[in-house]
């Protein structure tokens, strides 16, 4: 089972999402926490340090950084058009 660490920036941007999108993000994180393999919706990102991967939830992206197999830091969340800026 994975452990999540949320950044303060993540909290700020998460509050700006609609309630429906917040619910979808929470559900996806719960699924990700319990899942052994989650390769369909998580991809490696390049040139976006300190993020190492991104997690897709409909049109929302979450930038994450793996510390080890059990700890994942959620850095930022936002809509696809805004997250990579």
PDB file of N, CA and C in Angstrom:
ATOM      1  N   UNK A   1       0.840  -1.179   0.000  1.00  0.00           N
ATOM      2  CA  UNK A   1       0.000   0.000   0.000  1.00  0.00           C
ATOM      3  C   UNK A   1       0.884   1.241   0.000  1.00  0.00           C
ATOM      4  N   UNK A   2       0.519   2.203  -0.795  1.00  0.00           N
ATOM      5  CA  UNK A   2       1.309   3.427  -0.919  1.00  0.00           C
ATOM      6  C   UNK A   2       0.884   4.478   0.109  1.00  0.00           C
ATOM      7  N   UNK A   3       1.823   5.347   0.433  1.00  0.00           N
ATOM      8  CA  UNK A   3       1.564   6.473   1.328  1.00  0.00           C
ATOM      9  C   UNK A   3       1.725   7.750   0.506  1.00  0.00           C
ATOM     10  N   UNK A   4       0.784   8.684   0.654  1.00  0.00           N
ATOM     11  CA  UNK A   4       0.831   9.939  -0.073  1.00  0.00           C
ATOM     12  C   UNK A   4       1.238  11.076   0.845  1.00  0.00           C
ATOM     13  N   UNK A   5       2.059  11.976   0.303  1.00  0.00           N
ATOM     14  CA  UNK A   5       2.445  13.204   0.976  1.00  0.00           C
ATOM     15  C   UNK A   5       2.019  14.331   0.047  1.00  0.00           C
ATOM     16  N   UNK A   6       1.207  15.262   0.556  1.00  0.00           N
ATOM     17  CA  UNK A   6       0.672  16.340  -0.270  1.00  0.00           C
ATOM     18  C   UNK A   6       1.412  17.640   0.012  1.00  0.00           C
ATOM     19  N   UNK A   7       1.764  18.356  -1.053  1.00  0.00           N
ATOM     20  CA  UNK A   7       2.440  19.639  -0.898  1.00  0.00           C
ATOM     21  C   UNK A   7       1.405  20.742  -0.652  1.00  0.00           C
ATOM     22  N   UNK A   8       1.858  21.876  -0.145  1.00  0.00           N
ATOM     23  CA  UNK A   8       0.959  23.004   0.084  1.00  0.00           C
ATOM     24  C   UNK A   8       0.432  23.565  -1.230  1.00  0.00           C
ATOM     25  N   UNK A   9       1.232  23.515  -2.270  1.00  0.00           N
ATOM     26  CA  UNK A   9       0.792  23.974  -3.594  1.00  0.00           C
ATOM     27  C   UNK A   9      -0.346  23.098  -4.093  1.00  0.00           C
ATOM     28  N   UNK A  10      -0.250  21.790  -3.837  1.00  0.00           N
ATOM     29  CA  UNK A  10      -1.311  20.882  -4.241  1.00  0.00           C
ATOM     30  C   UNK A  10      -2.624  21.264  -3.573  1.00  0.00           C
ATOM     31  N   UNK A  11      -2.579  21.562  -2.277  1.00  0.00           N
ATOM     32  CA  UNK A  11      -3.787  21.934  -1.542  1.00  0.00           C
ATOM     33  C   UNK A  11      -4.409  23.197  -2.128  1.00  0.00           C
ATOM     34  N   UNK A  12      -3.573  24.166  -2.472  1.00  0.00           N
ATOM     35  CA  UNK A  12      -4.058  25.436  -3.026  1.00  0.00           C
ATOM     36  C   UNK A  12      -4.787  25.204  -4.347  1.00  0.00           C
ATOM     37  N   UNK A  13      -4.188  24.440  -5.253  1.00  0.00           N
ATOM     38  CA  UNK A  13      -4.796  24.195  -6.554  1.00  0.00           C
ATOM     39  C   UNK A  13      -5.967  23.225  -6.463  1.00  0.00           C
ATOM     40  N   UNK A  14      -5.932  22.302  -5.522  1.00  0.00           N
ATOM     41  CA  UNK A  14      -7.017  21.343  -5.361  1.00  0.00           C
ATOM     42  C   UNK A  14      -8.310  22.048  -4.969  1.00  0.00           C
ATOM     43  N   UNK A  15      -8.203  23.065  -4.120  1.00  0.00           N
ATOM     44  CA  UNK A  15      -9.387  23.816  -3.688  1.00  0.00           C
ATOM     45  C   UNK A  15     -10.020  24.590  -4.839  1.00  0.00           C
ATOM     46  N   UNK A  16      -9.263  24.890  -5.884  1.00  0.00           N
ATOM     47  CA  UNK A  16      -9.783  25.631  -7.033  1.00  0.00           C
ATOM     48  C   UNK A  16     -10.564  24.747  -8.008  1.00  0.00           C
ATOM     49  N   UNK A  17     -10.424  23.431  -7.879  1.00  0.00           N
ATOM     50  CA  UNK A  17     -11.145  22.514  -8.763  1.00  0.00           C
ATOM     51  C   UNK A  17     -12.619  22.460  -8.379  1.00  0.00           C
ATOM     52  N   UNK A  18     -13.454  22.069  -9.338  1.00  0.00           N
ATOM     53  CA  UNK A  18     -14.876  21.907  -9.053  1.00  0.00           C
ATOM     54  C   UNK A  18     -15.065  20.717  -8.105  1.00  0.00           C
ATOM     55  N   UNK A  19     -16.180  20.689  -7.363  1.00  0.00           N
ATOM     56  CA  UNK A  19     -16.419  19.561  -6.442  1.00  0.00           C
ATOM     57  C   UNK A  19     -16.417  18.205  -7.155  1.00  0.00           C
ATOM     58  N   UNK A  20     -16.932  18.145  -8.363  1.00  0.00           N
ATOM     59  CA  UNK A  20     -16.935  16.890  -9.116  1.00  0.00           C
ATOM     60  C   UNK A  20     -15.519  16.443  -9.433  1.00  0.00           C
ATOM     61  N   UNK A  21     -14.671  17.387  -9.844  1.00  0.00           N
ATOM     62  CA  UNK A  21     -13.284  17.057 -10.154  1.00  0.00           C
ATOM     63  C   UNK A  21     -12.506  16.671  -8.901  1.00  0.00           C
ATOM     64  N   UNK A  22     -12.800  17.320  -7.786  1.00  0.00           N
ATOM     65  CA  UNK A  22     -12.163  16.949  -6.525  1.00  0.00           C
ATOM     66  C   UNK A  22     -12.510  15.507  -6.159  1.00  0.00           C
ATOM     67  N   UNK A  23     -13.777  15.159  -6.311  1.00  0.00           N
ATOM     68  CA  UNK A  23     -14.224  13.797  -6.008  1.00  0.00           C
ATOM     69  C   UNK A  23     -13.521  12.788  -6.909  1.00  0.00           C
ATOM     70  N   UNK A  24     -13.407  13.095  -8.208  1.00  0.00           N
ATOM     71  CA  UNK A  24     -12.723  12.194  -9.139  1.00  0.00           C
ATOM     72  C   UNK A  24     -11.258  12.011  -8.760  1.00  0.00           C
ATOM     73  N   UNK A  25     -10.600  13.090  -8.353  1.00  0.00           N
ATOM     74  CA  UNK A  25      -9.189  13.004  -7.948  1.00  0.00           C
ATOM     75  C   UNK A  25      -9.025  12.136  -6.707  1.00  0.00           C
ATOM     76  N   UNK A  26      -9.890  12.306  -5.735  1.00  0.00           N
ATOM     77  CA  UNK A  26      -9.812  11.512  -4.512  1.00  0.00           C
ATOM     78  C   UNK A  26     -10.039  10.038  -4.818  1.00  0.00           C
ATOM     79  N   UNK A  27     -11.024   9.745  -5.668  1.00  0.00           N
ATOM     80  CA  UNK A  27     -11.286   8.350  -6.033  1.00  0.00           C
ATOM     81  C   UNK A  27     -10.089   7.733  -6.747  1.00  0.00           C
ATOM     82  N   UNK A  28      -9.472   8.485  -7.647  1.00  0.00           N
ATOM     83  CA  UNK A  28      -8.315   7.966  -8.380  1.00  0.00           C
ATOM     84  C   UNK A  28      -7.138   7.728  -7.441  1.00  0.00           C
ATOM     85  N   UNK A  29      -6.938   8.618  -6.488  1.00  0.00           N
ATOM     86  CA  UNK A  29      -5.854   8.433  -5.528  1.00  0.00           C
ATOM     87  C   UNK A  29      -6.100   7.218  -4.633  1.00  0.00           C
ATOM     88  N   UNK A  30      -7.352   6.997  -4.246  1.00  0.00           N
ATOM     89  CA  UNK A  30      -7.667   5.817  -3.450  1.00  0.00           C
ATOM     90  C   UNK A  30      -7.403   4.547  -4.241  1.00  0.00           C
ATOM     91  N   UNK A  31      -7.778   4.554  -5.514  1.00  0.00           N
ATOM     92  CA  UNK A  31      -7.525   3.397  -6.365  1.00  0.00           C
ATOM     93  C   UNK A  31      -6.020   3.182  -6.536  1.00  0.00           C
ATOM     94  N   UNK A  32      -5.288   4.263  -6.748  1.00  0.00           N
ATOM     95  CA  UNK A  32      -3.845   4.209  -6.913  1.00  0.00           C
ATOM     96  C   UNK A  32      -3.164   3.699  -5.644  1.00  0.00           C
ATOM     97  N   UNK A  33      -3.689   4.076  -4.493  1.00  0.00           N
ATOM     98  CA  UNK A  33      -3.121   3.665  -3.218  1.00  0.00           C
ATOM     99  C   UNK A  33      -3.237   2.158  -3.016  1.00  0.00           C
ATOM    100  N   UNK A  34      -4.341   1.581  -3.436  1.00  0.00           N
ATOM    101  CA  UNK A  34      -4.598   0.163  -3.206  1.00  0.00           C
ATOM    102  C   UNK A  34      -4.101  -0.735  -4.328  1.00  0.00           C
ATOM    103  N   UNK A  35      -3.831  -0.165  -5.481  1.00  0.00           N
ATOM    104  CA  UNK A  35      -3.477  -0.948  -6.650  1.00  0.00           C
ATOM    105  C   UNK A  35      -2.000  -1.336  -6.643  1.00  0.00           C
ATOM    106  N   UNK A  36      -1.728  -2.534  -7.109  1.00  0.00           N
ATOM    107  CA  UNK A  36      -0.340  -2.976  -7.263  1.00  0.00           C
ATOM    108  C   UNK A  36       0.274  -2.386  -8.530  1.00  0.00           C
ATOM    109  N   UNK A  37      -0.449  -2.472  -9.624  1.00  0.00           N
ATOM    110  CA  UNK A  37       0.024  -1.908 -10.895  1.00  0.00           C
ATOM    111  C   UNK A  37      -0.949  -0.827 -11.333  1.00  0.00           C
ATOM    112  N   UNK A  38      -0.412   0.245 -11.826  1.00  0.00           N
ATOM    113  CA  UNK A  38      -1.240   1.383 -12.216  1.00  0.00           C
ATOM    114  C   UNK A  38      -0.623   2.054 -13.439  1.00  0.00           C
ATOM    115  N   UNK A  39      -0.203   1.266 -14.392  1.00  0.00           N
ATOM    116  CA  UNK A  39       0.582   1.767 -15.514  1.00  0.00           C
ATOM    117  C   UNK A  39      -0.235   2.499 -16.576  1.00  0.00           C
ATOM    118  N   UNK A  40      -1.553   2.324 -16.614  1.00  0.00           N
ATOM    119  CA  UNK A  40      -2.350   2.942 -17.676  1.00  0.00           C
ATOM    120  C   UNK A  40      -2.433   4.455 -17.555  1.00  0.00           C
ATOM    121  N   UNK A  41      -2.506   4.970 -16.349  1.00  0.00           N
ATOM    122  CA  UNK A  41      -2.751   6.392 -16.177  1.00  0.00           C
ATOM    123  C   UNK A  41      -1.586   7.169 -15.586  1.00  0.00           C
ATOM    124  N   UNK A  42      -0.465   6.523 -15.366  1.00  0.00           N
ATOM    125  CA  UNK A  42       0.694   7.242 -14.843  1.00  0.00           C
ATOM    126  C   UNK A  42       1.839   7.128 -15.849  1.00  0.00           C
ATOM    127  N   UNK A  43       2.446   8.262 -16.145  1.00  0.00           N
ATOM    128  CA  UNK A  43       3.517   8.301 -17.143  1.00  0.00           C
ATOM    129  C   UNK A  43       4.686   9.102 -16.591  1.00  0.00           C
ATOM    130  N   UNK A  44       5.847   8.824 -17.116  1.00  0.00           N
ATOM    131  CA  UNK A  44       7.054   9.558 -16.755  1.00  0.00           C
ATOM    132  C   UNK A  44       7.040  10.910 -17.465  1.00  0.00           C
ATOM    133  N   UNK A  45       7.434  11.959 -16.753  1.00  0.00           N
ATOM    134  CA  UNK A  45       7.549  13.285 -17.359  1.00  0.00           C
ATOM    135  C   UNK A  45       9.020  13.678 -17.397  1.00  0.00           C
ATOM    136  N   UNK A  46       9.360  14.496 -18.370  1.00  0.00           N
ATOM    137  CA  UNK A  46      10.727  14.971 -18.494  1.00  0.00           C
ATOM    138  C   UNK A  46      10.734  16.486 -18.442  1.00  0.00           C
ATOM    139  N   UNK A  47      11.800  17.043 -17.919  1.00  0.00           N
ATOM    140  CA  UNK A  47      12.020  18.487 -17.848  1.00  0.00           C
ATOM    141  C   UNK A  47      10.987  19.212 -16.987  1.00  0.00           C
ATOM    142  N   UNK A  48      10.428  18.541 -15.995  1.00  0.00           N
ATOM    143  CA  UNK A  48       9.500  19.176 -15.062  1.00  0.00           C
ATOM    144  C   UNK A  48       9.924  18.891 -13.625  1.00  0.00           C
ATOM    145  N   UNK A  49      11.197  19.029 -13.364  1.00  0.00           N
ATOM    146  CA  UNK A  49      11.698  18.749 -12.025  1.00  0.00           C
ATOM    147  C   UNK A  49      11.027  19.648 -11.012  1.00  0.00           C
ATOM    148  N   UNK A  50      10.721  19.200  -9.852  1.00  0.00           N
ATOM    149  CA  UNK A  50      11.068  17.954  -9.200  1.00  0.00           C
ATOM    150  C   UNK A  50      10.109  16.806  -9.509  1.00  0.00           C
ATOM    151  N   UNK A  51       9.108  17.011 -10.352  1.00  0.00           N
ATOM    152  CA  UNK A  51       8.159  15.934 -10.672  1.00  0.00           C
ATOM    153  C   UNK A  51       8.839  14.854 -11.505  1.00  0.00           C
ATOM    154  N   UNK A  52       8.481  13.612 -11.231  1.00  0.00           N
ATOM    155  CA  UNK A  52       9.019  12.491 -11.991  1.00  0.00           C
ATOM    156  C   UNK A  52       7.949  11.809 -12.835  1.00  0.00           C
ATOM    157  N   UNK A  53       6.684  11.902 -12.402  1.00  0.00           N
ATOM    158  CA  UNK A  53       5.585  11.251 -13.104  1.00  0.00           C
ATOM    159  C   UNK A  53       4.358  12.151 -13.094  1.00  0.00           C
ATOM    160  N   UNK A  54       3.400  11.822 -13.950  1.00  0.00           N
ATOM    161  CA  UNK A  54       2.124  12.503 -13.923  1.00  0.00           C
ATOM    162  C   UNK A  54       1.019  11.474 -13.877  1.00  0.00           C
ATOM    163  N   UNK A  55      -0.040  11.817 -13.168  1.00  0.00           N
ATOM    164  CA  UNK A  55      -1.197  10.949 -13.008  1.00  0.00           C
ATOM    165  C   UNK A  55      -2.366  11.612 -13.708  1.00  0.00           C
ATOM    166  N   UNK A  56      -3.055  10.870 -14.565  1.00  0.00           N
ATOM    167  CA  UNK A  56      -4.151  11.436 -15.360  1.00  0.00           C
ATOM    168  C   UNK A  56      -5.487  11.068 -14.726  1.00  0.00           C
ATOM    169  N   UNK A  57      -6.345  12.102 -14.576  1.00  0.00           N
ATOM    170  CA  UNK A  57      -7.720  11.932 -14.110  1.00  0.00           C
ATOM    171  C   UNK A  57      -8.586  12.790 -15.018  1.00  0.00           C
ATOM    172  N   UNK A  58      -9.179  12.181 -16.034  1.00  0.00           N
ATOM    173  CA  UNK A  58      -9.941  12.888 -17.068  1.00  0.00           C
ATOM    174  C   UNK A  58      -9.076  13.997 -17.659  1.00  0.00           C
ATOM    175  N   UNK A  59      -9.481  15.265 -17.532  1.00  0.00           N
ATOM    176  CA  UNK A  59      -8.674  16.361 -18.090  1.00  0.00           C
ATOM    177  C   UNK A  59      -7.766  16.982 -17.032  1.00  0.00           C
ATOM    178  N   UNK A  60      -7.686  16.355 -15.886  1.00  0.00           N
ATOM    179  CA  UNK A  60      -6.864  16.846 -14.776  1.00  0.00           C
ATOM    180  C   UNK A  60      -5.577  16.034 -14.726  1.00  0.00           C
ATOM    181  N   UNK A  61      -4.483  16.708 -14.407  1.00  0.00           N
ATOM    182  CA  UNK A  61      -3.200  16.041 -14.242  1.00  0.00           C
ATOM    183  C   UNK A  61      -2.660  16.347 -12.848  1.00  0.00           C
ATOM    184  N   UNK A  62      -2.039  15.355 -12.249  1.00  0.00           N
ATOM    185  CA  UNK A  62      -1.356  15.532 -10.973  1.00  0.00           C
ATOM    186  C   UNK A  62       0.110  15.206 -11.193  1.00  0.00           C
ATOM    187  N   UNK A  63       0.973  16.137 -10.848  1.00  0.00           N
ATOM    188  CA  UNK A  63       2.414  15.905 -10.942  1.00  0.00           C
ATOM    189  C   UNK A  63       2.871  15.292  -9.631  1.00  0.00           C
ATOM    190  N   UNK A  64       3.579  14.173  -9.738  1.00  0.00           N
ATOM    191  CA  UNK A  64       4.002  13.432  -8.547  1.00  0.00           C
ATOM    192  C   UNK A  64       5.498  13.150  -8.605  1.00  0.00           C
ATOM    193  N   UNK A  65       6.042  12.849  -7.427  1.00  0.00           N
ATOM    194  CA  UNK A  65       7.443  12.451  -7.323  1.00  0.00           C
ATOM    195  C   UNK A  65       7.504  11.202  -6.457  1.00  0.00           C
ATOM    196  N   UNK A  66       8.132  10.172  -6.999  1.00  0.00           N
ATOM    197  CA  UNK A  66       8.325   8.943  -6.243  1.00  0.00           C
ATOM    198  C   UNK A  66       9.549   9.083  -5.352  1.00  0.00           C
ATOM    199  N   UNK A  67       9.378   8.788  -4.073  1.00  0.00           N
ATOM    200  CA  UNK A  67      10.518   8.749  -3.157  1.00  0.00           C
ATOM    201  C   UNK A  67      11.048   7.325  -3.055  1.00  0.00           C
ATOM    202  N   UNK A  68      10.148   6.387  -2.971  1.00  0.00           N
ATOM    203  CA  UNK A  68      10.479   4.964  -2.995  1.00  0.00           C
ATOM    204  C   UNK A  68       9.205   4.216  -3.388  1.00  0.00           C
ATOM    205  N   UNK A  69       9.198   2.916  -3.244  1.00  0.00           N
ATOM    206  CA  UNK A  69       8.058   2.108  -3.664  1.00  0.00           C
ATOM    207  C   UNK A  69       6.781   2.426  -2.897  1.00  0.00           C
ATOM    208  N   UNK A  70       6.910   2.879  -1.665  1.00  0.00           N
ATOM    209  CA  UNK A  70       5.723   3.073  -0.845  1.00  0.00           C
ATOM    210  C   UNK A  70       5.339   4.534  -0.623  1.00  0.00           C
ATOM    211  N   UNK A  71       6.211   5.465  -0.913  1.00  0.00           N
ATOM    212  CA  UNK A  71       5.931   6.876  -0.656  1.00  0.00           C
ATOM    213  C   UNK A  71       5.902   7.670  -1.962  1.00  0.00           C
ATOM    214  N   UNK A  72       4.794   8.380  -2.155  1.00  0.00           N
ATOM    215  CA  UNK A  72       4.610   9.207  -3.343  1.00  0.00           C
ATOM    216  C   UNK A  72       4.228  10.609  -2.879  1.00  0.00           C
ATOM    217  N   UNK A  73       4.945  11.616  -3.371  1.00  0.00           N
ATOM    218  CA  UNK A  73       4.630  13.001  -3.040  1.00  0.00           C
ATOM    219  C   UNK A  73       3.818  13.605  -4.178  1.00  0.00           C
ATOM    220  N   UNK A  74       2.643  14.128  -3.857  1.00  0.00           N
ATOM    221  CA  UNK A  74       1.788  14.783  -4.840  1.00  0.00           C
ATOM    222  C   UNK A  74       2.163  16.262  -4.834  1.00  0.00           C
ATOM    223  N   UNK A  75       2.714  16.740  -5.943  1.00  0.00           N
ATOM    224  CA  UNK A  75       3.257  18.097  -5.984  1.00  0.00           C
ATOM    225  C   UNK A  75       2.247  19.149  -6.426  1.00  0.00           C
ATOM    226  N   UNK A  76       1.513  18.863  -7.493  1.00  0.00           N
ATOM    227  CA  UNK A  76       0.643  19.879  -8.080  1.00  0.00           C
ATOM    228  C   UNK A  76      -0.514  19.202  -8.793  1.00  0.00           C
ATOM    229  N   UNK A  77      -1.650  19.869  -8.853  1.00  0.00           N
ATOM    230  CA  UNK A  77      -2.817  19.359  -9.552  1.00  0.00           C
ATOM    231  C   UNK A  77      -3.413  20.497 -10.371  1.00  0.00           C
ATOM    232  N   UNK A  78      -3.949  20.180 -11.529  1.00  0.00           N
ATOM    233  CA  UNK A  78      -4.572  21.207 -12.358  1.00  0.00           C
ATOM    234  C   UNK A  78      -5.062  20.626 -13.659  1.00  0.00           C
ATOM    235  N   UNK A  79      -5.751  21.467 -14.406  1.00  0.00           N
ATOM    236  CA  UNK A  79      -6.243  21.054 -15.701  1.00  0.00           C
ATOM    237  C   UNK A  79      -5.088  20.950 -16.694  1.00  0.00           C
ATOM    238  N   UNK A  80      -5.258  20.122 -17.666  1.00  0.00           N
ATOM    239  CA  UNK A  80      -4.184  19.806 -18.621  1.00  0.00           C
ATOM    240  C   UNK A  80      -3.612  21.055 -19.272  1.00  0.00           C
ATOM    241  N   UNK A  81      -4.455  22.008 -19.581  1.00  0.00           N
ATOM    242  CA  UNK A  81      -3.984  23.211 -20.287  1.00  0.00           C
ATOM    243  C   UNK A  81      -3.104  24.092 -19.402  1.00  0.00           C
ATOM    244  N   UNK A  82      -3.202  23.945 -18.077  1.00  0.00           N
ATOM    245  CA  UNK A  82      -2.483  24.837 -17.165  1.00  0.00           C
ATOM    246  C   UNK A  82      -1.327  24.174 -16.420  1.00  0.00           C
ATOM    247  N   UNK A  83      -1.338  22.885 -16.271  1.00  0.00           N
ATOM    248  CA  UNK A  83      -0.419  22.205 -15.357  1.00  0.00           C
ATOM    249  C   UNK A  83       1.036  22.247 -15.831  1.00  0.00           C
ATOM    250  N   UNK A  84       1.264  22.258 -17.114  1.00  0.00           N
ATOM    251  CA  UNK A  84       2.634  22.167 -17.630  1.00  0.00           C
ATOM    252  C   UNK A  84       3.293  23.526 -17.812  1.00  0.00           C
ATOM    253  N   UNK A  85       2.635  24.585 -17.437  1.00  0.00           N
ATOM    254  CA  UNK A  85       3.212  25.928 -17.601  1.00  0.00           C
ATOM    255  C   UNK A  85       4.143  26.248 -16.478  1.00  0.00           C
TER     256      UNK A  85
END
